[in-house]
Amino acid sequence: MVQAAARHGPGLTWGGLRGGISLALALSIPSGTGRDLLVPLTCAVVVISVLVQGLSIGKVVKASMCQSAPGVPTAHEAAPWTNAGGS
């Protein structure tokens, strides 16, 4: 089971959205101490990172699935009643 979790790790890490904390921290800065610059910059970084992650998550997941560890079943082998294998 640990091998399966390690195989899904890259996709889960890449897909993690961390923008909420960054934006909350930028909004918590008192007015007049650079907040007027930091909030728009933070929003821009969050939007760009979400777009980049969203557009590339499929490739990351596909690449991590191609590198399956020996003895770890594929999704279709683990749950043959699903249509994971495309059959």
PDB file of N, CA and C in Angstrom:
ATOM      1  N   MET A   1       0.820  -1.187   0.000  1.00  0.00           N
ATOM      2  CA  MET A   1       0.000   0.000   0.000  1.00  0.00           C
ATOM      3  C   MET A   1       0.871   1.261   0.000  1.00  0.00           C
ATOM      4  N   VAL A   2       2.029   1.182   0.647  1.00  0.00           N
ATOM      5  CA  VAL A   2       2.926   2.330   0.677  1.00  0.00           C
ATOM      6  C   VAL A   2       3.456   2.623  -0.724  1.00  0.00           C
ATOM      7  N   GLN A   3       3.696   1.564  -1.503  1.00  0.00           N
ATOM      8  CA  GLN A   3       4.183   1.768  -2.867  1.00  0.00           C
ATOM      9  C   GLN A   3       3.128   2.466  -3.718  1.00  0.00           C
ATOM     10  N   ALA A   4       1.875   2.115  -3.529  1.00  0.00           N
ATOM     11  CA  ALA A   4       0.801   2.768  -4.287  1.00  0.00           C
ATOM     12  C   ALA A   4       0.701   4.236  -3.905  1.00  0.00           C
ATOM     13  N   ALA A   5       0.835   4.538  -2.623  1.00  0.00           N
ATOM     14  CA  ALA A   5       0.782   5.933  -2.173  1.00  0.00           C
ATOM     15  C   ALA A   5       1.972   6.716  -2.736  1.00  0.00           C
ATOM     16  N   ALA A   6       3.115   6.088  -2.810  1.00  0.00           N
ATOM     17  CA  ALA A   6       4.289   6.760  -3.362  1.00  0.00           C
ATOM     18  C   ALA A   6       4.118   7.025  -4.848  1.00  0.00           C
ATOM     19  N   ARG A   7       3.405   6.136  -5.534  1.00  0.00           N
ATOM     20  CA  ARG A   7       3.181   6.311  -6.970  1.00  0.00           C
ATOM     21  C   ARG A   7       2.256   7.494  -7.231  1.00  0.00           C
ATOM     22  N   HIS A   8       1.307   7.756  -6.351  1.00  0.00           N
ATOM     23  CA  HIS A   8       0.367   8.859  -6.535  1.00  0.00           C
ATOM     24  C   HIS A   8       0.891  10.175  -5.963  1.00  0.00           C
ATOM     25  N   GLY A   9       2.006  10.122  -5.262  1.00  0.00           N
ATOM     26  CA  GLY A   9       2.563  11.308  -4.619  1.00  0.00           C
ATOM     27  C   GLY A   9       2.820  12.487  -5.543  1.00  0.00           C
ATOM     28  N   PRO A  10       3.458  12.290  -6.705  1.00  0.00           N
ATOM     29  CA  PRO A  10       3.718  13.444  -7.579  1.00  0.00           C
ATOM     30  C   PRO A  10       2.448  14.163  -8.021  1.00  0.00           C
ATOM     31  N   GLY A  11       1.423  13.416  -8.355  1.00  0.00           N
ATOM     32  CA  GLY A  11       0.167  14.040  -8.777  1.00  0.00           C
ATOM     33  C   GLY A  11      -0.507  14.791  -7.650  1.00  0.00           C
ATOM     34  N   LEU A  12      -0.489  14.201  -6.458  1.00  0.00           N
ATOM     35  CA  LEU A  12      -1.101  14.871  -5.314  1.00  0.00           C
ATOM     36  C   LEU A  12      -0.328  16.123  -4.918  1.00  0.00           C
ATOM     37  N   THR A  13       0.985  16.040  -4.997  1.00  0.00           N
ATOM     38  CA  THR A  13       1.806  17.209  -4.659  1.00  0.00           C
ATOM     39  C   THR A  13       1.620  18.320  -5.680  1.00  0.00           C
ATOM     40  N   TRP A  14       1.631  17.974  -6.948  1.00  0.00           N
ATOM     41  CA  TRP A  14       1.493  18.983  -8.001  1.00  0.00           C
ATOM     42  C   TRP A  14       0.114  19.623  -7.977  1.00  0.00           C
ATOM     43  N   GLY A  15      -0.897  18.855  -7.661  1.00  0.00           N
ATOM     44  CA  GLY A  15      -2.267  19.350  -7.682  1.00  0.00           C
ATOM     45  C   GLY A  15      -2.671  20.124  -6.450  1.00  0.00           C
ATOM     46  N   GLY A  16      -1.842  20.149  -5.421  1.00  0.00           N
ATOM     47  CA  GLY A  16      -2.178  20.864  -4.199  1.00  0.00           C
ATOM     48  C   GLY A  16      -2.282  22.363  -4.429  1.00  0.00           C
ATOM     49  N   LEU A  17      -3.374  22.944  -3.971  1.00  0.00           N
ATOM     50  CA  LEU A  17      -3.564  24.387  -4.138  1.00  0.00           C
ATOM     51  C   LEU A  17      -3.196  25.083  -2.840  1.00  0.00           C
ATOM     52  N   ARG A  18      -2.204  25.932  -2.897  1.00  0.00           N
ATOM     53  CA  ARG A  18      -1.731  26.615  -1.708  1.00  0.00           C
ATOM     54  C   ARG A  18      -2.035  28.106  -1.742  1.00  0.00           C
ATOM     55  N   GLY A  19      -2.860  28.560  -2.632  1.00  0.00           N
ATOM     56  CA  GLY A  19      -3.120  29.982  -2.797  1.00  0.00           C
ATOM     57  C   GLY A  19      -3.948  30.600  -1.694  1.00  0.00           C
ATOM     58  N   GLY A  20      -4.783  29.808  -1.044  1.00  0.00           N
ATOM     59  CA  GLY A  20      -5.648  30.349   0.005  1.00  0.00           C
ATOM     60  C   GLY A  20      -4.865  30.921   1.176  1.00  0.00           C
ATOM     61  N   ILE A  21      -3.846  30.219   1.592  1.00  0.00           N
ATOM     62  CA  ILE A  21      -3.032  30.689   2.722  1.00  0.00           C
ATOM     63  C   ILE A  21      -2.249  31.935   2.320  1.00  0.00           C
ATOM     64  N   SER A  22      -1.696  31.938   1.127  1.00  0.00           N
ATOM     65  CA  SER A  22      -0.927  33.099   0.671  1.00  0.00           C
ATOM     66  C   SER A  22      -1.805  34.342   0.608  1.00  0.00           C
ATOM     67  N   LEU A  23      -2.985  34.184   0.058  1.00  0.00           N
ATOM     68  CA  LEU A  23      -3.894  35.321  -0.055  1.00  0.00           C
ATOM     69  C   LEU A  23      -4.368  35.796   1.319  1.00  0.00           C
ATOM     70  N   ALA A  24      -4.650  34.872   2.213  1.00  0.00           N
ATOM     71  CA  ALA A  24      -5.070  35.244   3.573  1.00  0.00           C
ATOM     72  C   ALA A  24      -3.961  36.011   4.294  1.00  0.00           C
ATOM     73  N   LEU A  25      -2.729  35.576   4.125  1.00  0.00           N
ATOM     74  CA  LEU A  25      -1.610  36.284   4.756  1.00  0.00           C
ATOM     75  C   LEU A  25      -1.431  37.678   4.167  1.00  0.00           C
ATOM     76  N   ALA A  26      -1.576  37.800   2.858  1.00  0.00           N
ATOM     77  CA  ALA A  26      -1.440  39.115   2.232  1.00  0.00           C
ATOM     78  C   ALA A  26      -2.558  40.050   2.684  1.00  0.00           C
ATOM     79  N   LEU A  27      -3.756  39.528   2.833  1.00  0.00           N
ATOM     80  CA  LEU A  27      -4.875  40.359   3.268  1.00  0.00           C
ATOM     81  C   LEU A  27      -4.794  40.717   4.756  1.00  0.00           C
ATOM     82  N   SER A  28      -4.032  39.954   5.521  1.00  0.00           N
ATOM     83  CA  SER A  28      -3.914  40.246   6.954  1.00  0.00           C
ATOM     84  C   SER A  28      -2.908  41.351   7.265  1.00  0.00           C
ATOM     85  N   ILE A  29      -2.158  41.799   6.283  1.00  0.00           N
ATOM     86  CA  ILE A  29      -1.184  42.873   6.478  1.00  0.00           C
ATOM     87  C   ILE A  29      -1.940  44.179   6.684  1.00  0.00           C
ATOM     88  N   PRO A  30      -1.554  44.950   7.690  1.00  0.00           N
ATOM     89  CA  PRO A  30      -2.238  46.233   7.910  1.00  0.00           C
ATOM     90  C   PRO A  30      -2.054  47.188   6.726  1.00  0.00           C
ATOM     91  N   SER A  31      -3.025  48.043   6.520  1.00  0.00           N
ATOM     92  CA  SER A  31      -2.968  49.016   5.420  1.00  0.00           C
ATOM     93  C   SER A  31      -1.766  49.932   5.577  1.00  0.00           C
ATOM     94  N   GLY A  32      -1.181  50.286   4.449  1.00  0.00           N
ATOM     95  CA  GLY A  32      -0.073  51.234   4.446  1.00  0.00           C
ATOM     96  C   GLY A  32       1.298  50.617   4.615  1.00  0.00           C
ATOM     97  N   THR A  33       1.403  49.306   4.812  1.00  0.00           N
ATOM     98  CA  THR A  33       2.727  48.697   4.984  1.00  0.00           C
ATOM     99  C   THR A  33       3.081  47.811   3.788  1.00  0.00           C
ATOM    100  N   GLY A  34       2.706  48.249   2.614  1.00  0.00           N
ATOM    101  CA  GLY A  34       3.004  47.495   1.409  1.00  0.00           C
ATOM    102  C   GLY A  34       1.866  46.599   0.969  1.00  0.00           C
ATOM    103  N   ARG A  35       0.747  46.657   1.676  1.00  0.00           N
ATOM    104  CA  ARG A  35      -0.387  45.803   1.340  1.00  0.00           C
ATOM    105  C   ARG A  35      -0.908  46.080  -0.073  1.00  0.00           C
ATOM    106  N   ASP A  36      -0.909  47.366  -0.468  1.00  0.00           N
ATOM    107  CA  ASP A  36      -1.428  47.730  -1.789  1.00  0.00           C
ATOM    108  C   ASP A  36      -0.622  47.086  -2.920  1.00  0.00           C
ATOM    109  N   LEU A  37       0.610  46.760  -2.667  1.00  0.00           N
ATOM    110  CA  LEU A  37       1.441  46.086  -3.661  1.00  0.00           C
ATOM    111  C   LEU A  37       1.368  44.563  -3.510  1.00  0.00           C
ATOM    112  N   LEU A  38       1.363  44.077  -2.271  1.00  0.00           N
ATOM    113  CA  LEU A  38       1.428  42.637  -2.036  1.00  0.00           C
ATOM    114  C   LEU A  38       0.144  41.891  -2.406  1.00  0.00           C
ATOM    115  N   VAL A  39      -1.023  42.471  -2.173  1.00  0.00           N
ATOM    116  CA  VAL A  39      -2.269  41.767  -2.477  1.00  0.00           C
ATOM    117  C   VAL A  39      -2.405  41.491  -3.972  1.00  0.00           C
ATOM    118  N   PRO A  40      -2.229  42.486  -4.857  1.00  0.00           N
ATOM    119  CA  PRO A  40      -2.328  42.169  -6.289  1.00  0.00           C
ATOM    120  C   PRO A  40      -1.236  41.205  -6.777  1.00  0.00           C
ATOM    121  N   LEU A  41      -0.023  41.352  -6.246  1.00  0.00           N
ATOM    122  CA  LEU A  41       1.044  40.427  -6.637  1.00  0.00           C
ATOM    123  C   LEU A  41       0.731  39.003  -6.193  1.00  0.00           C
ATOM    124  N   THR A  42       0.215  38.866  -4.977  1.00  0.00           N
ATOM    125  CA  THR A  42      -0.152  37.543  -4.477  1.00  0.00           C
ATOM    126  C   THR A  42      -1.258  36.931  -5.322  1.00  0.00           C
ATOM    127  N   CYS A  43      -2.253  37.722  -5.658  1.00  0.00           N
ATOM    128  CA  CYS A  43      -3.349  37.238  -6.512  1.00  0.00           C
ATOM    129  C   CYS A  43      -2.810  36.778  -7.867  1.00  0.00           C
ATOM    130  N   ALA A  44      -1.901  37.529  -8.435  1.00  0.00           N
ATOM    131  CA  ALA A  44      -1.333  37.171  -9.735  1.00  0.00           C
ATOM    132  C   ALA A  44      -0.556  35.859  -9.653  1.00  0.00           C
ATOM    133  N   VAL A  45       0.246  35.708  -8.610  1.00  0.00           N
ATOM    134  CA  VAL A  45       1.025  34.475  -8.441  1.00  0.00           C
ATOM    135  C   VAL A  45       0.094  33.283  -8.243  1.00  0.00           C
ATOM    136  N   VAL A  46      -0.960  33.455  -7.462  1.00  0.00           N
ATOM    137  CA  VAL A  46      -1.906  32.363  -7.220  1.00  0.00           C
ATOM    138  C   VAL A  46      -2.609  31.977  -8.515  1.00  0.00           C
ATOM    139  N   VAL A  47      -3.079  32.952  -9.282  1.00  0.00           N
ATOM    140  CA  VAL A  47      -3.779  32.655 -10.532  1.00  0.00           C
ATOM    141  C   VAL A  47      -2.845  31.957 -11.522  1.00  0.00           C
ATOM    142  N   ILE A  48      -1.628  32.445 -11.646  1.00  0.00           N
ATOM    143  CA  ILE A  48      -0.668  31.824 -12.571  1.00  0.00           C
ATOM    144  C   ILE A  48      -0.350  30.398 -12.135  1.00  0.00           C
ATOM    145  N   SER A  49      -0.127  30.189 -10.840  1.00  0.00           N
ATOM    146  CA  SER A  49       0.203  28.831 -10.389  1.00  0.00           C
ATOM    147  C   SER A  49      -0.973  27.876 -10.574  1.00  0.00           C
ATOM    148  N   VAL A  50      -2.202  28.348 -10.349  1.00  0.00           N
ATOM    149  CA  VAL A  50      -3.372  27.498 -10.562  1.00  0.00           C
ATOM    150  C   VAL A  50      -3.507  27.140 -12.040  1.00  0.00           C
ATOM    151  N   LEU A  51      -3.280  28.102 -12.913  1.00  0.00           N
ATOM    152  CA  LEU A  51      -3.361  27.830 -14.350  1.00  0.00           C
ATOM    153  C   LEU A  51      -2.288  26.829 -14.794  1.00  0.00           C
ATOM    154  N   VAL A  52      -1.062  27.048 -14.347  1.00  0.00           N
ATOM    155  CA  VAL A  52       0.033  26.153 -14.729  1.00  0.00           C
ATOM    156  C   VAL A  52      -0.230  24.752 -14.186  1.00  0.00           C
ATOM    157  N   GLN A  53      -0.623  24.652 -12.928  1.00  0.00           N
ATOM    158  CA  GLN A  53      -0.893  23.343 -12.348  1.00  0.00           C
ATOM    159  C   GLN A  53      -2.091  22.684 -13.020  1.00  0.00           C
ATOM    160  N   GLY A  54      -3.131  23.450 -13.275  1.00  0.00           N
ATOM    161  CA  GLY A  54      -4.325  22.887 -13.890  1.00  0.00           C
ATOM    162  C   GLY A  54      -4.089  22.384 -15.295  1.00  0.00           C
ATOM    163  N   LEU A  55      -3.279  23.096 -16.055  1.00  0.00           N
ATOM    164  CA  LEU A  55      -3.023  22.690 -17.435  1.00  0.00           C
ATOM    165  C   LEU A  55      -2.023  21.539 -17.547  1.00  0.00           C
ATOM    166  N   SER A  56      -1.231  21.326 -16.503  1.00  0.00           N
ATOM    167  CA  SER A  56      -0.201  20.295 -16.602  1.00  0.00           C
ATOM    168  C   SER A  56      -0.457  19.090 -15.697  1.00  0.00           C
ATOM    169  N   ILE A  57      -1.530  19.087 -14.908  1.00  0.00           N
ATOM    170  CA  ILE A  57      -1.750  17.980 -13.968  1.00  0.00           C
ATOM    171  C   ILE A  57      -1.934  16.649 -14.698  1.00  0.00           C
ATOM    172  N   GLY A  58      -2.571  16.667 -15.852  1.00  0.00           N
ATOM    173  CA  GLY A  58      -2.764  15.426 -16.599  1.00  0.00           C
ATOM    174  C   GLY A  58      -1.457  14.773 -16.994  1.00  0.00           C
ATOM    175  N   LYS A  59      -0.510  15.579 -17.439  1.00  0.00           N
ATOM    176  CA  LYS A  59       0.791  15.044 -17.830  1.00  0.00           C
ATOM    177  C   LYS A  59       1.557  14.509 -16.630  1.00  0.00           C
ATOM    178  N   VAL A  60       1.456  15.192 -15.494  1.00  0.00           N
ATOM    179  CA  VAL A  60       2.153  14.743 -14.282  1.00  0.00           C
ATOM    180  C   VAL A  60       1.579  13.415 -13.808  1.00  0.00           C
ATOM    181  N   VAL A  61       0.250  13.308 -13.795  1.00  0.00           N
ATOM    182  CA  VAL A  61      -0.385  12.066 -13.356  1.00  0.00           C
ATOM    183  C   VAL A  61      -0.061  10.933 -14.316  1.00  0.00           C
ATOM    184  N   LYS A  62      -0.121  11.211 -15.605  1.00  0.00           N
ATOM    185  CA  LYS A  62       0.179  10.172 -16.602  1.00  0.00           C
ATOM    186  C   LYS A  62       1.628   9.700 -16.461  1.00  0.00           C
ATOM    187  N   ALA A  63       2.550  10.624 -16.246  1.00  0.00           N
ATOM    188  CA  ALA A  63       3.958  10.255 -16.088  1.00  0.00           C
ATOM    189  C   ALA A  63       4.178   9.437 -14.818  1.00  0.00           C
ATOM    190  N   SER A  64       3.486   9.781 -13.743  1.00  0.00           N
ATOM    191  CA  SER A  64       3.673   9.036 -12.501  1.00  0.00           C
ATOM    192  C   SER A  64       3.021   7.665 -12.585  1.00  0.00           C
ATOM    193  N   MET A  65       1.952   7.524 -13.353  1.00  0.00           N
ATOM    194  CA  MET A  65       1.303   6.222 -13.507  1.00  0.00           C
ATOM    195  C   MET A  65       2.111   5.288 -14.386  1.00  0.00           C
ATOM    196  N   CYS A  66       2.873   5.824 -15.319  1.00  0.00           N
ATOM    197  CA  CYS A  66       3.689   4.991 -16.200  1.00  0.00           C
ATOM    198  C   CYS A  66       4.837   4.344 -15.444  1.00  0.00           C
ATOM    199  N   GLN A  67       5.214   4.921 -14.325  1.00  0.00           N
ATOM    200  CA  GLN A  67       6.334   4.419 -13.545  1.00  0.00           C
ATOM    201  C   GLN A  67       5.817   3.614 -12.360  1.00  0.00           C
ATOM    202  N   SER A  68       4.999   2.597 -12.615  1.00  0.00           N
ATOM    203  CA  SER A  68       4.445   1.825 -11.514  1.00  0.00           C
ATOM    204  C   SER A  68       5.518   0.912 -10.927  1.00  0.00           C
ATOM    205  N   ALA A  69       5.432   0.731  -9.635  1.00  0.00           N
ATOM    206  CA  ALA A  69       6.381  -0.115  -8.935  1.00  0.00           C
ATOM    207  C   ALA A  69       6.020  -1.581  -9.156  1.00  0.00           C
ATOM    208  N   PRO A  70       7.000  -2.464  -9.112  1.00  0.00           N
ATOM    209  CA  PRO A  70       6.715  -3.884  -9.281  1.00  0.00           C
ATOM    210  C   PRO A  70       5.784  -4.381  -8.173  1.00  0.00           C
ATOM    211  N   GLY A  71       4.783  -5.145  -8.537  1.00  0.00           N
ATOM    212  CA  GLY A  71       3.868  -5.704  -7.553  1.00  0.00           C
ATOM    213  C   GLY A  71       2.704  -4.802  -7.196  1.00  0.00           C
ATOM    214  N   VAL A  72       2.688  -3.580  -7.692  1.00  0.00           N
ATOM    215  CA  VAL A  72       1.595  -2.658  -7.412  1.00  0.00           C
ATOM    216  C   VAL A  72       0.603  -2.752  -8.567  1.00  0.00           C
ATOM    217  N   PRO A  73      -0.637  -3.136  -8.276  1.00  0.00           N
ATOM    218  CA  PRO A  73      -1.601  -3.298  -9.364  1.00  0.00           C
ATOM    219  C   PRO A  73      -2.014  -1.956  -9.959  1.00  0.00           C
ATOM    220  N   THR A  74      -2.384  -1.987 -11.233  1.00  0.00           N
ATOM    221  CA  THR A  74      -2.917  -0.783 -11.858  1.00  0.00           C
ATOM    222  C   THR A  74      -4.319  -0.540 -11.326  1.00  0.00           C
ATOM    223  N   ALA A  75      -4.900   0.600 -11.665  1.00  0.00           N
ATOM    224  CA  ALA A  75      -6.245   0.914 -11.178  1.00  0.00           C
ATOM    225  C   ALA A  75      -7.250  -0.117 -11.667  1.00  0.00           C
ATOM    226  N   HIS A  76      -7.100  -0.588 -12.904  1.00  0.00           N
ATOM    227  CA  HIS A  76      -8.032  -1.569 -13.452  1.00  0.00           C
ATOM    228  C   HIS A  76      -7.862  -2.929 -12.782  1.00  0.00           C
ATOM    229  N   GLU A  77      -6.647  -3.284 -12.448  1.00  0.00           N
ATOM    230  CA  GLU A  77      -6.416  -4.563 -11.769  1.00  0.00           C
ATOM    231  C   GLU A  77      -6.925  -4.518 -10.332  1.00  0.00           C
ATOM    232  N   ALA A  78      -6.782  -3.361  -9.682  1.00  0.00           N
ATOM    233  CA  ALA A  78      -7.212  -3.237  -8.296  1.00  0.00           C
ATOM    234  C   ALA A  78      -8.729  -3.188  -8.177  1.00  0.00           C
ATOM    235  N   ALA A  79      -9.396  -2.609  -9.158  1.00  0.00           N
ATOM    236  CA  ALA A  79     -10.851  -2.480  -9.132  1.00  0.00           C
ATOM    237  C   ALA A  79     -11.407  -2.849 -10.504  1.00  0.00           C
ATOM    238  N   PRO A  80     -11.469  -4.137 -10.828  1.00  0.00           N
ATOM    239  CA  PRO A  80     -11.854  -4.544 -12.178  1.00  0.00           C
ATOM    240  C   PRO A  80     -13.295  -4.193 -12.543  1.00  0.00           C
ATOM    241  N   TRP A  81     -14.131  -3.905 -11.558  1.00  0.00           N
ATOM    242  CA  TRP A  81     -15.529  -3.560 -11.850  1.00  0.00           C
ATOM    243  C   TRP A  81     -15.679  -2.148 -12.400  1.00  0.00           C
ATOM    244  N   THR A  82     -14.625  -1.335 -12.292  1.00  0.00           N
ATOM    245  CA  THR A  82     -14.669   0.020 -12.847  1.00  0.00           C
ATOM    246  C   THR A  82     -14.255  -0.025 -14.298  1.00  0.00           C
ATOM    247  N   ASN A  83     -14.397   1.072 -14.960  1.00  0.00           N
ATOM    248  CA  ASN A  83     -14.002   1.176 -16.367  1.00  0.00           C
ATOM    249  C   ASN A  83     -12.649   1.848 -16.489  1.00  0.00           C
ATOM    250  N   ALA A  84     -11.761   1.666 -15.503  1.00  0.00           N
ATOM    251  CA  ALA A  84     -10.468   2.331 -15.497  1.00  0.00           C
ATOM    252  C   ALA A  84      -9.582   1.882 -16.646  1.00  0.00           C
ATOM    253  N   GLY A  85      -9.778   0.671 -17.114  1.00  0.00           N
ATOM    254  CA  GLY A  85      -8.935   0.154 -18.188  1.00  0.00           C
ATOM    255  C   GLY A  85      -9.446   0.502 -19.568  1.00  0.00           C
ATOM    256  N   GLY A  86     -10.604   1.125 -19.648  1.00  0.00           N
ATOM    257  CA  GLY A  86     -11.139   1.528 -20.939  1.00  0.00           C
ATOM    258  C   GLY A  86     -11.862   0.414 -21.669  1.00  0.00           C
ATOM    259  N   SER A  87     -12.095  -0.724 -20.973  1.00  0.00           N
ATOM    260  CA  SER A  87     -12.772  -1.824 -21.652  1.00  0.00           C
ATOM    261  C   SER A  87     -14.251  -1.846 -21.363  1.00  0.00           C
TER     262      SER A  87
END
